[in-house]
Amino acid sequence: MKAINFLLRSFYYFRTGYSIYLSLPLTMISLCTTVYYLAIQNIPILKSVFPGVLEFGLALVVVVYPSGALAGWFHFKKMPFYRIEQTINVESNPYSQTKLTPVMIPMWKTLMALAEKEGLDVQEMRKILETSV
């Protein structure tokens, strides 16, 4: 069981590391060199504006970085996509609604004891605690 857990965790770490830290820079380099050598270099007007691939790469970063940041801001603040993503994450994560993380169990037990002393109904709390242990 530990080996499967290790493999699943390492796959998750790989997906995160590759998608964020490896594929983005490689994609930017690939885009820059492909566009420069297939388009910019063959158009004399653009070749005079961007005499080398380094100049084009810097201009691309100056345009793409703010555009990407703006698109990300819109994604989180103005579009419904982020809310839908979070809804799906909550639905698929048992710890968000029906289970407690191991760190929360002692606090939950203390809270239940206090609630019982005050005469409150703790049946729902007890069900969640039982599914978590």
N, C-alpha and C. Protein backbone atom coordinates (compact mmCIF):
# COMPACT_ATOMS: atom_id res chain seq x y z
N MET A 1 0.81 -1.19 0.00
CA MET A 1 0.00 0.00 0.00
C MET A 1 0.86 1.27 0.00
N LYS A 2 2.00 1.21 0.72
CA LYS A 2 2.88 2.38 0.75
C LYS A 2 3.49 2.65 -0.62
N ALA A 3 3.78 1.58 -1.36
CA ALA A 3 4.36 1.75 -2.70
C ALA A 3 3.36 2.42 -3.63
N ILE A 4 2.09 2.02 -3.56
CA ILE A 4 1.06 2.63 -4.41
C ILE A 4 0.89 4.09 -4.03
N ASN A 5 0.85 4.37 -2.73
CA ASN A 5 0.73 5.75 -2.26
C ASN A 5 1.91 6.58 -2.75
N PHE A 6 3.11 6.03 -2.66
CA PHE A 6 4.30 6.73 -3.13
C PHE A 6 4.21 7.01 -4.63
N LEU A 7 3.79 6.02 -5.41
CA LEU A 7 3.67 6.19 -6.86
C LEU A 7 2.62 7.25 -7.21
N LEU A 8 1.50 7.22 -6.54
CA LEU A 8 0.45 8.20 -6.81
C LEU A 8 0.91 9.61 -6.44
N ARG A 9 1.56 9.73 -5.30
CA ARG A 9 2.07 11.04 -4.89
C ARG A 9 3.14 11.55 -5.86
N SER A 10 4.04 10.67 -6.25
CA SER A 10 5.10 11.11 -7.16
C SER A 10 4.53 11.49 -8.52
N PHE A 11 3.48 10.80 -8.97
CA PHE A 11 2.84 11.16 -10.23
C PHE A 11 2.19 12.53 -10.12
N TYR A 12 1.55 12.81 -8.99
CA TYR A 12 0.94 14.12 -8.78
C TYR A 12 2.01 15.21 -8.76
N TYR A 13 3.12 14.96 -8.05
CA TYR A 13 4.22 15.93 -8.02
C TYR A 13 4.81 16.13 -9.41
N PHE A 14 4.94 15.05 -10.17
CA PHE A 14 5.46 15.14 -11.54
C PHE A 14 4.55 16.02 -12.40
N ARG A 15 3.24 15.76 -12.34
CA ARG A 15 2.29 16.55 -13.14
C ARG A 15 2.39 18.03 -12.81
N THR A 16 2.47 18.33 -11.52
CA THR A 16 2.57 19.73 -11.10
C THR A 16 3.88 20.34 -11.55
N GLY A 17 4.98 19.68 -11.28
CA GLY A 17 6.29 20.22 -11.65
C GLY A 17 6.46 20.36 -13.14
N TYR A 18 6.02 19.35 -13.88
CA TYR A 18 6.19 19.40 -15.33
C TYR A 18 5.31 20.48 -15.94
N SER A 19 4.05 20.54 -15.53
CA SER A 19 3.14 21.50 -16.17
C SER A 19 3.46 22.94 -15.82
N ILE A 20 3.97 23.17 -14.63
CA ILE A 20 4.23 24.56 -14.22
C ILE A 20 5.67 24.98 -14.52
N TYR A 21 6.62 24.15 -14.12
CA TYR A 21 8.01 24.60 -14.15
C TYR A 21 8.81 24.13 -15.37
N LEU A 22 8.37 23.11 -16.06
CA LEU A 22 9.13 22.64 -17.21
C LEU A 22 8.44 22.96 -18.54
N SER A 23 7.17 22.64 -18.67
CA SER A 23 6.54 22.80 -19.99
C SER A 23 6.33 24.25 -20.38
N LEU A 24 6.06 25.13 -19.44
CA LEU A 24 5.85 26.53 -19.79
C LEU A 24 7.10 27.17 -20.39
N PRO A 25 8.27 27.07 -19.75
CA PRO A 25 9.46 27.66 -20.39
C PRO A 25 9.81 26.99 -21.72
N LEU A 26 9.67 25.67 -21.79
CA LEU A 26 9.97 24.99 -23.05
C LEU A 26 9.00 25.41 -24.15
N THR A 27 7.74 25.59 -23.80
CA THR A 27 6.75 26.04 -24.77
C THR A 27 7.06 27.46 -25.25
N MET A 28 7.46 28.32 -24.34
CA MET A 28 7.79 29.69 -24.72
C MET A 28 9.01 29.72 -25.65
N ILE A 29 10.02 28.94 -25.33
CA ILE A 29 11.21 28.88 -26.19
C ILE A 29 10.85 28.32 -27.56
N SER A 30 10.05 27.29 -27.57
CA SER A 30 9.62 26.68 -28.84
C SER A 30 8.80 27.66 -29.68
N LEU A 31 7.87 28.36 -29.05
CA LEU A 31 7.07 29.35 -29.76
C LEU A 31 7.95 30.45 -30.33
N CYS A 32 8.85 30.94 -29.52
CA CYS A 32 9.73 32.03 -29.94
C CYS A 32 10.58 31.63 -31.14
N THR A 33 11.24 30.49 -31.06
CA THR A 33 12.12 30.09 -32.17
C THR A 33 11.34 29.72 -33.41
N THR A 34 10.21 29.06 -33.25
CA THR A 34 9.41 28.66 -34.41
C THR A 34 8.87 29.88 -35.15
N VAL A 35 8.26 30.81 -34.42
CA VAL A 35 7.70 31.99 -35.07
C VAL A 35 8.81 32.83 -35.68
N TYR A 36 9.92 32.98 -34.98
CA TYR A 36 10.98 33.82 -35.52
C TYR A 36 11.55 33.23 -36.80
N TYR A 37 11.92 31.96 -36.76
CA TYR A 37 12.60 31.39 -37.93
C TYR A 37 11.66 31.06 -39.08
N LEU A 38 10.39 30.88 -38.83
CA LEU A 38 9.46 30.59 -39.92
C LEU A 38 8.72 31.82 -40.43
N ALA A 39 8.58 32.86 -39.62
CA ALA A 39 7.81 34.02 -40.05
C ALA A 39 8.63 35.31 -40.05
N ILE A 40 9.18 35.67 -38.93
CA ILE A 40 9.86 36.97 -38.79
C ILE A 40 11.06 37.07 -39.73
N GLN A 41 11.85 36.02 -39.79
CA GLN A 41 13.07 36.05 -40.59
C GLN A 41 12.78 36.20 -42.09
N ASN A 42 11.61 35.78 -42.54
CA ASN A 42 11.28 35.83 -43.97
C ASN A 42 10.52 37.10 -44.37
N ILE A 43 10.19 37.96 -43.43
CA ILE A 43 9.48 39.20 -43.74
C ILE A 43 10.44 40.36 -43.45
N PRO A 44 10.89 41.06 -44.50
CA PRO A 44 11.94 42.08 -44.33
C PRO A 44 11.59 43.18 -43.32
N ILE A 45 10.34 43.63 -43.29
CA ILE A 45 9.96 44.71 -42.37
C ILE A 45 10.10 44.23 -40.92
N LEU A 46 9.61 43.03 -40.65
CA LEU A 46 9.72 42.49 -39.29
C LEU A 46 11.16 42.13 -38.94
N LYS A 47 11.91 41.72 -39.94
CA LYS A 47 13.33 41.40 -39.72
C LYS A 47 14.10 42.65 -39.31
N SER A 48 13.70 43.81 -39.84
CA SER A 48 14.37 45.05 -39.44
C SER A 48 13.98 45.46 -38.02
N VAL A 49 12.77 45.12 -37.58
CA VAL A 49 12.33 45.44 -36.21
C VAL A 49 12.97 44.47 -35.21
N PHE A 50 13.03 43.20 -35.59
CA PHE A 50 13.61 42.15 -34.73
C PHE A 50 14.80 41.53 -35.46
N PRO A 51 15.99 42.12 -35.35
CA PRO A 51 17.14 41.60 -36.10
C PRO A 51 17.62 40.24 -35.61
N GLY A 52 17.30 39.86 -34.41
CA GLY A 52 17.73 38.57 -33.89
C GLY A 52 16.63 37.91 -33.09
N VAL A 53 16.80 36.63 -32.83
CA VAL A 53 15.80 35.88 -32.09
C VAL A 53 15.73 36.36 -30.63
N LEU A 54 16.83 36.85 -30.09
CA LEU A 54 16.83 37.35 -28.71
C LEU A 54 15.93 38.58 -28.57
N GLU A 55 16.01 39.51 -29.51
CA GLU A 55 15.15 40.70 -29.47
C GLU A 55 13.68 40.31 -29.58
N PHE A 56 13.39 39.36 -30.48
CA PHE A 56 12.02 38.90 -30.62
C PHE A 56 11.55 38.21 -29.35
N GLY A 57 12.42 37.42 -28.73
CA GLY A 57 12.07 36.73 -27.49
C GLY A 57 11.75 37.70 -26.37
N LEU A 58 12.55 38.75 -26.25
CA LEU A 58 12.29 39.76 -25.22
C LEU A 58 10.98 40.49 -25.48
N ALA A 59 10.72 40.84 -26.74
CA ALA A 59 9.45 41.49 -27.08
C ALA A 59 8.28 40.55 -26.80
N LEU A 60 8.46 39.27 -27.08
CA LEU A 60 7.41 38.29 -26.83
C LEU A 60 7.10 38.19 -25.33
N VAL A 61 8.15 38.18 -24.52
CA VAL A 61 7.94 38.12 -23.06
C VAL A 61 7.22 39.37 -22.57
N VAL A 62 7.61 40.53 -23.11
CA VAL A 62 6.99 41.79 -22.70
C VAL A 62 5.50 41.81 -23.05
N VAL A 63 5.11 41.16 -24.14
CA VAL A 63 3.71 41.13 -24.54
C VAL A 63 2.96 39.96 -23.90
N VAL A 64 3.57 38.78 -23.88
CA VAL A 64 2.87 37.58 -23.43
C VAL A 64 2.69 37.56 -21.91
N TYR A 65 3.69 37.98 -21.15
CA TYR A 65 3.57 37.92 -19.68
C TYR A 65 2.40 38.76 -19.16
N PRO A 66 2.30 40.03 -19.53
CA PRO A 66 1.13 40.80 -19.05
C PRO A 66 -0.19 40.26 -19.60
N SER A 67 -0.18 39.78 -20.84
CA SER A 67 -1.41 39.22 -21.40
C SER A 67 -1.84 37.98 -20.63
N GLY A 68 -0.89 37.13 -20.30
CA GLY A 68 -1.21 35.93 -19.53
C GLY A 68 -1.67 36.26 -18.13
N ALA A 69 -1.03 37.25 -17.50
CA ALA A 69 -1.45 37.67 -16.16
C ALA A 69 -2.86 38.24 -16.19
N LEU A 70 -3.16 39.03 -17.19
CA LEU A 70 -4.50 39.59 -17.33
C LEU A 70 -5.53 38.49 -17.58
N ALA A 71 -5.19 37.54 -18.43
CA ALA A 71 -6.11 36.42 -18.68
C ALA A 71 -6.33 35.60 -17.41
N GLY A 72 -5.28 35.38 -16.62
CA GLY A 72 -5.42 34.67 -15.36
C GLY A 72 -6.27 35.43 -14.37
N TRP A 73 -6.09 36.74 -14.31
CA TRP A 73 -6.91 37.57 -13.42
C TRP A 73 -8.38 37.47 -13.82
N PHE A 74 -8.66 37.57 -15.13
CA PHE A 74 -10.04 37.41 -15.59
C PHE A 74 -10.58 36.03 -15.24
N HIS A 75 -9.74 35.01 -15.37
CA HIS A 75 -10.16 33.64 -15.06
C HIS A 75 -10.62 33.53 -13.61
N PHE A 76 -9.86 34.11 -12.69
CA PHE A 76 -10.20 34.00 -11.27
C PHE A 76 -11.28 34.97 -10.83
N LYS A 77 -11.29 36.18 -11.37
CA LYS A 77 -12.16 37.23 -10.84
C LYS A 77 -13.45 37.45 -11.62
N LYS A 78 -13.42 37.28 -12.93
CA LYS A 78 -14.56 37.70 -13.73
C LYS A 78 -15.31 36.57 -14.45
N MET A 79 -14.66 35.44 -14.64
CA MET A 79 -15.28 34.35 -15.38
C MET A 79 -15.85 33.32 -14.42
N PRO A 80 -16.87 32.57 -14.84
CA PRO A 80 -17.45 31.55 -13.97
C PRO A 80 -16.61 30.28 -13.89
N PHE A 81 -15.57 30.15 -14.69
CA PHE A 81 -14.80 28.91 -14.76
C PHE A 81 -14.16 28.53 -13.43
N TYR A 82 -13.59 29.51 -12.73
CA TYR A 82 -12.91 29.20 -11.47
C TYR A 82 -13.89 28.68 -10.43
N ARG A 83 -15.07 29.30 -10.35
CA ARG A 83 -16.09 28.82 -9.40
C ARG A 83 -16.50 27.40 -9.71
N ILE A 84 -16.64 27.08 -11.00
CA ILE A 84 -17.00 25.72 -11.40
C ILE A 84 -15.88 24.75 -11.04
N GLU A 85 -14.63 25.14 -11.27
CA GLU A 85 -13.49 24.28 -10.90
C GLU A 85 -13.50 23.99 -9.41
N GLN A 86 -13.75 25.02 -8.59
CA GLN A 86 -13.76 24.83 -7.15
C GLN A 86 -14.94 23.96 -6.71
N THR A 87 -16.07 24.10 -7.36
CA THR A 87 -17.23 23.26 -7.06
C THR A 87 -16.90 21.80 -7.34
N ILE A 88 -16.25 21.54 -8.46
CA ILE A 88 -15.85 20.17 -8.80
C ILE A 88 -14.83 19.65 -7.80
N ASN A 89 -13.87 20.49 -7.40
CA ASN A 89 -12.87 20.07 -6.40
C ASN A 89 -13.53 19.72 -5.07
N VAL A 90 -14.50 20.50 -4.65
CA VAL A 90 -15.20 20.22 -3.39
C VAL A 90 -15.99 18.92 -3.51
N GLU A 91 -16.64 18.71 -4.65
CA GLU A 91 -17.41 17.49 -4.84
C GLU A 91 -16.54 16.25 -4.85
N SER A 92 -15.33 16.36 -5.38
CA SER A 92 -14.47 15.19 -5.51
C SER A 92 -13.56 14.97 -4.31
N ASN A 93 -13.50 15.93 -3.37
CA ASN A 93 -12.62 15.82 -2.22
C ASN A 93 -13.44 15.48 -0.98
N PRO A 94 -13.31 14.26 -0.44
CA PRO A 94 -14.14 13.90 0.72
C PRO A 94 -13.84 14.72 1.97
N TYR A 95 -12.64 15.28 2.06
CA TYR A 95 -12.30 16.07 3.24
C TYR A 95 -13.03 17.41 3.27
N SER A 96 -13.58 17.83 2.15
CA SER A 96 -14.21 19.14 2.14
C SER A 96 -15.61 19.12 2.74
N GLN A 97 -16.28 17.96 2.77
CA GLN A 97 -17.65 17.95 3.27
C GLN A 97 -17.94 16.82 4.26
N THR A 98 -17.40 15.65 4.03
CA THR A 98 -17.84 14.50 4.82
C THR A 98 -16.77 13.89 5.70
N LYS A 99 -15.55 14.37 5.62
CA LYS A 99 -14.47 13.82 6.44
C LYS A 99 -13.66 14.95 7.06
N LEU A 100 -12.99 14.61 8.13
CA LEU A 100 -12.10 15.55 8.78
C LEU A 100 -10.66 15.14 8.51
N THR A 101 -9.79 16.11 8.38
CA THR A 101 -8.38 15.78 8.28
C THR A 101 -7.92 15.28 9.64
N PRO A 102 -6.91 14.43 9.70
CA PRO A 102 -6.46 13.89 10.99
C PRO A 102 -6.11 14.96 12.02
N VAL A 103 -5.65 16.10 11.57
CA VAL A 103 -5.29 17.17 12.49
C VAL A 103 -6.55 17.75 13.18
N MET A 104 -7.68 17.70 12.50
CA MET A 104 -8.91 18.31 13.02
C MET A 104 -9.66 17.41 14.00
N ILE A 105 -9.38 16.11 14.04
CA ILE A 105 -10.17 15.18 14.85
C ILE A 105 -10.14 15.52 16.34
N PRO A 106 -8.98 15.78 16.97
CA PRO A 106 -9.01 16.14 18.40
C PRO A 106 -9.82 17.41 18.69
N MET A 107 -9.68 18.41 17.84
CA MET A 107 -10.43 19.63 18.04
C MET A 107 -11.94 19.37 17.89
N TRP A 108 -12.30 18.53 16.94
CA TRP A 108 -13.69 18.19 16.69
C TRP A 108 -14.29 17.47 17.90
N LYS A 109 -13.52 16.56 18.51
CA LYS A 109 -13.99 15.84 19.69
C LYS A 109 -14.23 16.82 20.85
N THR A 110 -13.33 17.76 21.02
CA THR A 110 -13.49 18.77 22.07
C THR A 110 -14.71 19.63 21.81
N LEU A 111 -14.89 20.01 20.57
CA LEU A 111 -16.05 20.82 20.19
C LEU A 111 -17.35 20.06 20.42
N MET A 112 -17.35 18.76 20.11
CA MET A 112 -18.54 17.95 20.36
C MET A 112 -18.85 17.87 21.86
N ALA A 113 -17.83 17.69 22.68
CA ALA A 113 -18.04 17.61 24.13
C ALA A 113 -18.63 18.93 24.66
N LEU A 114 -18.12 20.05 24.18
CA LEU A 114 -18.66 21.34 24.60
C LEU A 114 -20.10 21.52 24.13
N ALA A 115 -20.39 21.09 22.91
CA ALA A 115 -21.75 21.21 22.38
C ALA A 115 -22.71 20.33 23.17
N GLU A 116 -22.27 19.12 23.55
CA GLU A 116 -23.13 18.24 24.34
C GLU A 116 -23.40 18.84 25.72
N LYS A 117 -22.39 19.48 26.33
CA LYS A 117 -22.59 20.13 27.62
C LYS A 117 -23.63 21.24 27.55
N GLU A 118 -23.67 21.90 26.38
CA GLU A 118 -24.63 22.98 26.19
C GLU A 118 -26.00 22.47 25.75
N GLY A 119 -26.11 21.15 25.57
CA GLY A 119 -27.39 20.57 25.20
C GLY A 119 -27.71 20.64 23.72
N LEU A 120 -26.70 20.81 22.89
CA LEU A 120 -26.91 20.88 21.45
C LEU A 120 -26.88 19.48 20.83
N ASP A 121 -27.58 19.33 19.72
CA ASP A 121 -27.61 18.04 19.02
C ASP A 121 -26.31 17.88 18.22
N VAL A 122 -25.62 16.79 18.48
CA VAL A 122 -24.32 16.57 17.82
C VAL A 122 -24.35 15.33 16.92
N GLN A 123 -25.53 14.90 16.50
CA GLN A 123 -25.63 13.70 15.67
C GLN A 123 -24.87 13.85 14.35
N GLU A 124 -25.05 14.99 13.68
CA GLU A 124 -24.35 15.21 12.41
C GLU A 124 -22.83 15.25 12.63
N MET A 125 -22.43 15.88 13.70
CA MET A 125 -21.00 15.94 14.01
C MET A 125 -20.45 14.54 14.27
N ARG A 126 -21.22 13.73 14.98
CA ARG A 126 -20.79 12.37 15.30
C ARG A 126 -20.65 11.53 14.02
N LYS A 127 -21.58 11.71 13.07
CA LYS A 127 -21.50 10.97 11.80
C LYS A 127 -20.23 11.34 11.04
N ILE A 128 -19.94 12.63 10.98
CA ILE A 128 -18.73 13.07 10.28
C ILE A 128 -17.48 12.54 10.98
N LEU A 129 -17.48 12.57 12.30
CA LEU A 129 -16.34 12.07 13.05
C LEU A 129 -16.14 10.58 12.83
N GLU A 130 -17.22 9.81 12.79
CA GLU A 130 -17.13 8.36 12.59
C GLU A 130 -16.59 8.02 11.20
N THR A 131 -16.96 8.78 10.20
CA THR A 131 -16.44 8.50 8.85
C THR A 131 -14.98 8.92 8.71
N SER A 132 -14.52 9.78 9.61
CA SER A 132 -13.15 10.28 9.51
C SER A 132 -12.13 9.42 10.23
N VAL A 133 -12.55 8.70 11.25
CA VAL A 133 -11.61 7.91 12.06
C VAL A 133 -11.30 6.59 11.39
